[in-house]
C-alpha cells in the first residue's frame, strides 16, 4: 500500500461507480473463488467507453457491485475497528483502482483533479513515478485487450441468444487463454510489449505487441464462434 494511503478512510470506495475490465473480473473471480454474479453489476455503457458489450440489444458494461449493508460502498470495502476501512481485495483490485488517483496528462504522470482524499497526502515531488507509469500503462493496455474481446462478442448473431450467463463464460474462457499467453511471454517481455505499444500510440505493426493482440483476436473470435 502507498504511504499516502496509510491513513485511508475509504472515501474513494463510496459513491463511485467502478467500471471494470474483463481481465479485472477474471482476476477477482480467480483469486476470491467467487462467481461473477456475486460481485459484478451490469449497467449501461454511459458514458461510452472501451469494453462495451451487447446484451438484450443494449450496450452494457461491467461494474463492481455495492455492499449489501451499505449501498454507497464498494462490495469489497472492509470496515475494521477504530473506523479504519480497507479494500478487501487489495492485491487483486481492479486496475482502475490500482492507478487511482493518478492519470496521464500530456504523457506525464499527474494527480487527478477529482481526487477525494486530501491532496496534501500526495506529494508529487516524492512519488515513485516509474511505478505509477507502469500501473497506468498496464491499465490502458488491459482496457484495450478487453475492448477487443468485447468487440468479438458483439459480432455474435442475435440468433445465438447471447445471454449474460454466456457472456460471463465467454470472458472467463478468453482471459484464461490471454493470461496463459501473458505468462508464456514472461513478465519482463510483457512489460516491454506494453511499453512499445504505448510508445507507438497503440498503432503497432509487426511488433510483439501486435502479435500478442492478433492472438487475442484469434482467441476471442474462436470463443465467440463457440457461443
Protein backbone atom coordinates (compact mmCIF):
# COMPACT_ATOMS: atom_id res chain seq x y z
CA UNK A 1 0.00 0.00 0.00
CA UNK A 2 1.18 3.51 -0.80
CA UNK A 3 2.35 5.55 2.19
CA UNK A 4 -0.16 8.17 1.04
CA UNK A 5 -2.93 5.65 1.71
CA UNK A 6 -1.76 4.69 5.20
CA UNK A 7 -4.42 6.84 6.85
CA UNK A 8 -7.09 5.98 4.26
CA UNK A 9 -10.72 6.47 5.29
CA UNK A 10 -12.10 4.82 2.15
CA UNK A 11 -13.52 7.95 0.54
CA UNK A 12 -12.67 6.62 -2.94
CA UNK A 13 -14.72 3.48 -2.18
CA UNK A 14 -18.01 5.35 -1.61
CA UNK A 15 -20.48 6.74 -4.14
CA UNK A 16 -18.19 5.81 -7.03
CA UNK A 17 -19.27 3.72 -9.99
CA UNK A 18 -16.27 1.49 -10.67
CA UNK A 19 -16.21 0.22 -14.23
CA UNK A 20 -14.02 -2.86 -14.62
CA UNK A 21 -12.48 -4.81 -17.47
CA UNK A 22 -12.99 -8.47 -18.21
CA UNK A 23 -9.41 -9.04 -17.04
CA UNK A 24 -10.23 -7.39 -13.69
CA UNK A 25 -13.32 -9.57 -13.29
CA UNK A 26 -11.36 -12.70 -14.22
CA UNK A 27 -8.63 -11.94 -11.66
CA UNK A 28 -11.10 -11.27 -8.86
CA UNK A 29 -13.10 -14.41 -9.60
CA UNK A 30 -9.95 -16.50 -9.67
CA UNK A 31 -8.41 -15.03 -6.51
CA UNK A 32 -11.57 -14.88 -4.40
CA UNK A 33 -13.25 -18.04 -5.73
CA UNK A 34 -16.46 -16.08 -6.27
CA UNK A 35 -18.94 -16.34 -9.13
CA UNK A 36 -19.13 -13.23 -11.30
CA UNK A 37 -22.74 -12.72 -10.22
CA UNK A 38 -21.66 -12.20 -6.60
CA UNK A 39 -19.51 -9.13 -7.15
CA UNK A 40 -20.35 -7.68 -10.57
CA UNK A 41 -23.20 -5.42 -11.64
CA UNK A 42 -24.30 -4.86 -15.22
CA UNK A 43 -25.15 -1.34 -16.31
CA UNK A 44 -25.45 0.82 -19.40
CA UNK A 45 -22.37 1.95 -21.33
CA UNK A 46 -22.65 5.52 -20.02
CA UNK A 47 -20.52 7.38 -20.63
CA UNK A 48 -19.43 5.36 -23.64
CA UNK A 49 -16.08 3.69 -23.03
CA UNK A 50 -14.00 0.74 -24.29
CA UNK A 51 -15.29 -2.71 -23.39
CA UNK A 52 -19.00 -2.22 -24.03
CA UNK A 53 -20.77 -5.45 -24.88
CA UNK A 54 -24.17 -6.08 -26.41
CA UNK A 55 -26.80 -7.61 -24.14
CA UNK A 56 -30.50 -7.70 -25.00
CA UNK A 57 -29.88 -5.20 -27.77
CA UNK A 58 -28.25 -2.64 -25.45
CA UNK A 59 -24.62 -1.59 -24.97
CA UNK A 60 -23.71 -2.72 -21.47
CA UNK A 61 -20.67 -2.61 -19.18
CA UNK A 62 -19.25 -4.40 -16.13
CA UNK A 63 -19.17 -2.60 -12.78
CA UNK A 64 -18.22 -3.58 -9.25
CA UNK A 65 -21.28 -4.25 -7.13
CA UNK A 66 -22.18 -2.44 -3.93
CA UNK A 67 -22.07 -3.59 -0.32
CA UNK A 68 -25.22 -5.38 0.81
CA UNK A 69 -25.20 -3.42 4.09
CA UNK A 70 -24.34 -0.04 2.61
CA UNK A 71 -25.43 0.68 -0.94
CA UNK A 72 -22.97 3.58 -1.14
CA UNK A 73 -19.91 1.41 -0.52
CA UNK A 74 -17.99 -0.97 -2.77
CA UNK A 75 -18.88 -4.60 -2.20
CA UNK A 76 -15.26 -5.32 -1.18
CA UNK A 77 -14.82 -2.46 1.31
CA UNK A 78 -13.97 -3.80 4.78
CA UNK A 79 -14.97 -1.87 7.90
CA UNK A 80 -12.40 -2.54 10.62
CA UNK A 81 -12.17 -1.44 14.24
CA UNK A 82 -11.34 2.15 15.05
CA UNK A 83 -13.07 3.48 11.95
CA UNK A 84 -10.40 2.02 9.66
CA UNK A 85 -11.61 0.98 6.22
CA UNK A 86 -9.64 -1.05 3.71
CA UNK A 87 -10.04 -2.77 0.37
CA UNK A 88 -10.74 -6.45 0.93
CA UNK A 89 -9.14 -7.48 -2.38
CA UNK A 90 -6.25 -5.01 -2.44
CA UNK A 91 -3.80 -7.35 -4.19
CA UNK A 92 -6.38 -8.14 -6.88
CA UNK A 93 -8.28 -4.84 -7.04
CA UNK A 94 -9.31 -3.57 -10.48
CA UNK A 95 -6.59 -1.79 -12.42
CA UNK A 96 -8.62 1.43 -12.41
CA UNK A 97 -8.43 1.33 -8.60
CA UNK A 98 -4.72 0.49 -8.66
CA UNK A 99 -3.92 3.66 -10.61
CA UNK A 100 -6.10 5.97 -8.52
CA UNK A 101 -5.58 8.90 -8.01
CA UNK A 102 -3.05 9.24 -10.85
CA UNK A 103 -3.60 9.82 -14.55
CA UNK A 104 -1.63 10.72 -17.64
CA UNK A 105 -1.57 14.41 -18.56
CA UNK A 106 0.26 15.11 -21.81
CA UNK A 107 2.10 11.82 -21.35
CA UNK A 108 3.22 12.60 -17.79
CA UNK A 109 2.02 11.09 -14.52
CA UNK A 110 -0.21 13.62 -12.76
CA UNK A 111 -2.68 13.78 -9.87
CA UNK A 112 -6.32 13.62 -10.92
CA UNK A 113 -8.32 16.79 -10.42
CA UNK A 114 -11.17 14.89 -8.73
CA UNK A 115 -9.09 13.18 -6.03
CA UNK A 116 -11.31 12.55 -3.00
CA UNK A 117 -8.74 12.45 -0.24
CA UNK A 118 -6.72 15.47 0.89
CA UNK A 119 -4.41 16.47 -1.96
CA UNK A 120 -1.71 17.18 0.62
CA UNK A 121 -1.43 13.40 1.05
CA UNK A 122 0.12 13.24 -2.40
CA UNK A 123 3.48 14.95 -2.58
CA UNK A 124 4.29 14.79 -6.29
CA UNK A 125 7.93 15.51 -5.53
CA UNK A 126 8.29 12.23 -3.65
CA UNK A 127 6.07 9.74 -5.51
CA UNK A 128 7.70 6.88 -7.39
CA UNK A 129 6.98 7.88 -10.98
CA UNK A 130 8.15 4.64 -12.68
CA UNK A 131 5.79 2.56 -10.54
CA UNK A 132 2.80 4.76 -11.32
CA UNK A 133 3.68 4.94 -15.02
CA UNK A 134 3.88 1.16 -15.17
CA UNK A 135 0.49 0.81 -13.46
CA UNK A 136 -1.13 3.35 -15.78
CA UNK A 137 0.28 1.69 -18.90
CA UNK A 138 -0.91 -1.71 -17.67
CA UNK A 139 -4.38 -0.30 -17.09
CA UNK A 140 -4.55 1.22 -20.57
CA UNK A 141 -3.35 -1.98 -22.23
CA UNK A 142 -5.75 -4.22 -20.31
CA UNK A 143 -8.60 -1.87 -21.20
CA UNK A 144 -7.61 -2.22 -24.85
CA UNK A 145 -7.43 -6.02 -24.54
CA UNK A 146 -10.91 -6.13 -23.07
CA UNK A 147 -12.26 -3.86 -25.79
CA UNK A 148 -11.08 -6.35 -28.42
CA UNK A 149 -12.61 -9.27 -26.51
CA UNK A 150 -15.93 -7.41 -26.20
CA UNK A 151 -15.84 -6.47 -29.89
CA UNK A 152 -15.66 -10.15 -30.88
CA UNK A 153 -18.64 -10.90 -28.64
CA UNK A 154 -20.59 -8.11 -30.33
CA UNK A 155 -20.25 -9.94 -33.65
CA UNK A 156 -22.30 -12.89 -32.36
CA UNK A 157 -25.66 -13.02 -34.18
CA UNK A 158 -28.79 -12.46 -32.10
CA UNK A 159 -30.00 -15.93 -33.11
CA UNK A 160 -27.29 -17.41 -30.86
CA UNK A 161 -29.13 -15.91 -27.85
CA UNK A 162 -26.01 -14.26 -26.32
CA UNK A 163 -27.17 -14.08 -22.67
CA UNK A 164 -25.35 -12.69 -19.64
CA UNK A 165 -24.51 -16.21 -18.44
CA UNK A 166 -22.95 -16.92 -21.82
CA UNK A 167 -21.03 -13.65 -21.69
CA UNK A 168 -19.57 -14.48 -18.30
CA UNK A 169 -18.50 -17.90 -19.56
CA UNK A 170 -17.07 -16.28 -22.69
CA UNK A 171 -14.88 -13.73 -20.88
CA UNK A 172 -13.67 -16.39 -18.47
CA UNK A 173 -12.52 -18.63 -21.33
CA UNK A 174 -10.96 -15.70 -23.20
CA UNK A 175 -8.98 -14.45 -20.22
CA UNK A 176 -7.94 -17.97 -19.22
CA UNK A 177 -6.22 -18.07 -22.61
CA UNK A 178 -4.95 -14.47 -22.53
CA UNK A 179 -3.40 -14.87 -19.09
CA UNK A 180 -1.65 -18.04 -20.25
CA UNK A 181 -0.28 -16.05 -23.18
CA UNK A 182 0.95 -13.38 -20.76
CA UNK A 183 2.66 -15.96 -18.56
CA UNK A 184 4.26 -17.61 -21.59
CA UNK A 185 5.67 -14.24 -22.68
CA UNK A 186 7.24 -13.67 -19.25
CA UNK A 187 6.81 -10.62 -17.01
CA UNK A 188 9.76 -8.67 -18.43
CA UNK A 189 8.80 -9.28 -22.06
CA UNK A 190 5.16 -8.46 -21.37
CA UNK A 191 6.11 -5.16 -19.72
CA UNK A 192 8.30 -4.32 -22.71
CA UNK A 193 5.45 -5.24 -25.05
CA UNK A 194 3.12 -2.78 -23.26
CA UNK A 195 5.77 -0.04 -23.32
CA UNK A 196 6.31 -0.39 -27.07
CA UNK A 197 2.55 -0.41 -27.65
CA UNK A 198 2.23 2.86 -25.73
CA UNK A 199 5.20 4.48 -27.46
CA UNK A 200 3.57 3.69 -30.81
CA UNK A 201 0.33 5.26 -29.65
CA UNK A 202 -1.45 1.93 -29.82
CA UNK A 203 -0.76 1.77 -33.57
CA UNK A 204 1.67 -1.12 -33.89
CA UNK A 205 2.67 -3.22 -36.86
CA UNK A 206 4.80 -6.36 -36.96
CA UNK A 207 5.82 -5.95 -33.33
CA UNK A 208 5.48 -8.22 -30.29
CA UNK A 209 2.52 -6.09 -29.17
CA UNK A 210 0.74 -6.53 -32.48
CA UNK A 211 1.48 -10.27 -32.49
CA UNK A 212 0.02 -10.55 -28.99
CA UNK A 213 -3.09 -8.58 -29.97
CA UNK A 214 -3.59 -10.74 -33.06
CA UNK A 215 -3.52 -13.80 -30.80
CA UNK A 216 -6.13 -12.14 -28.59
CA UNK A 217 -8.32 -11.55 -31.64
CA UNK A 218 -7.98 -15.18 -32.73
CA UNK A 219 -8.86 -16.49 -29.29
CA UNK A 220 -11.83 -14.13 -28.95
CA UNK A 221 -13.16 -14.98 -32.42
CA UNK A 222 -12.89 -18.71 -31.72
CA UNK A 223 -14.65 -18.42 -28.36
CA UNK A 224 -17.35 -16.18 -29.84
CA UNK A 225 -17.96 -18.73 -32.58
CA UNK A 226 -18.45 -21.40 -29.91
CA UNK A 227 -21.18 -19.47 -28.07
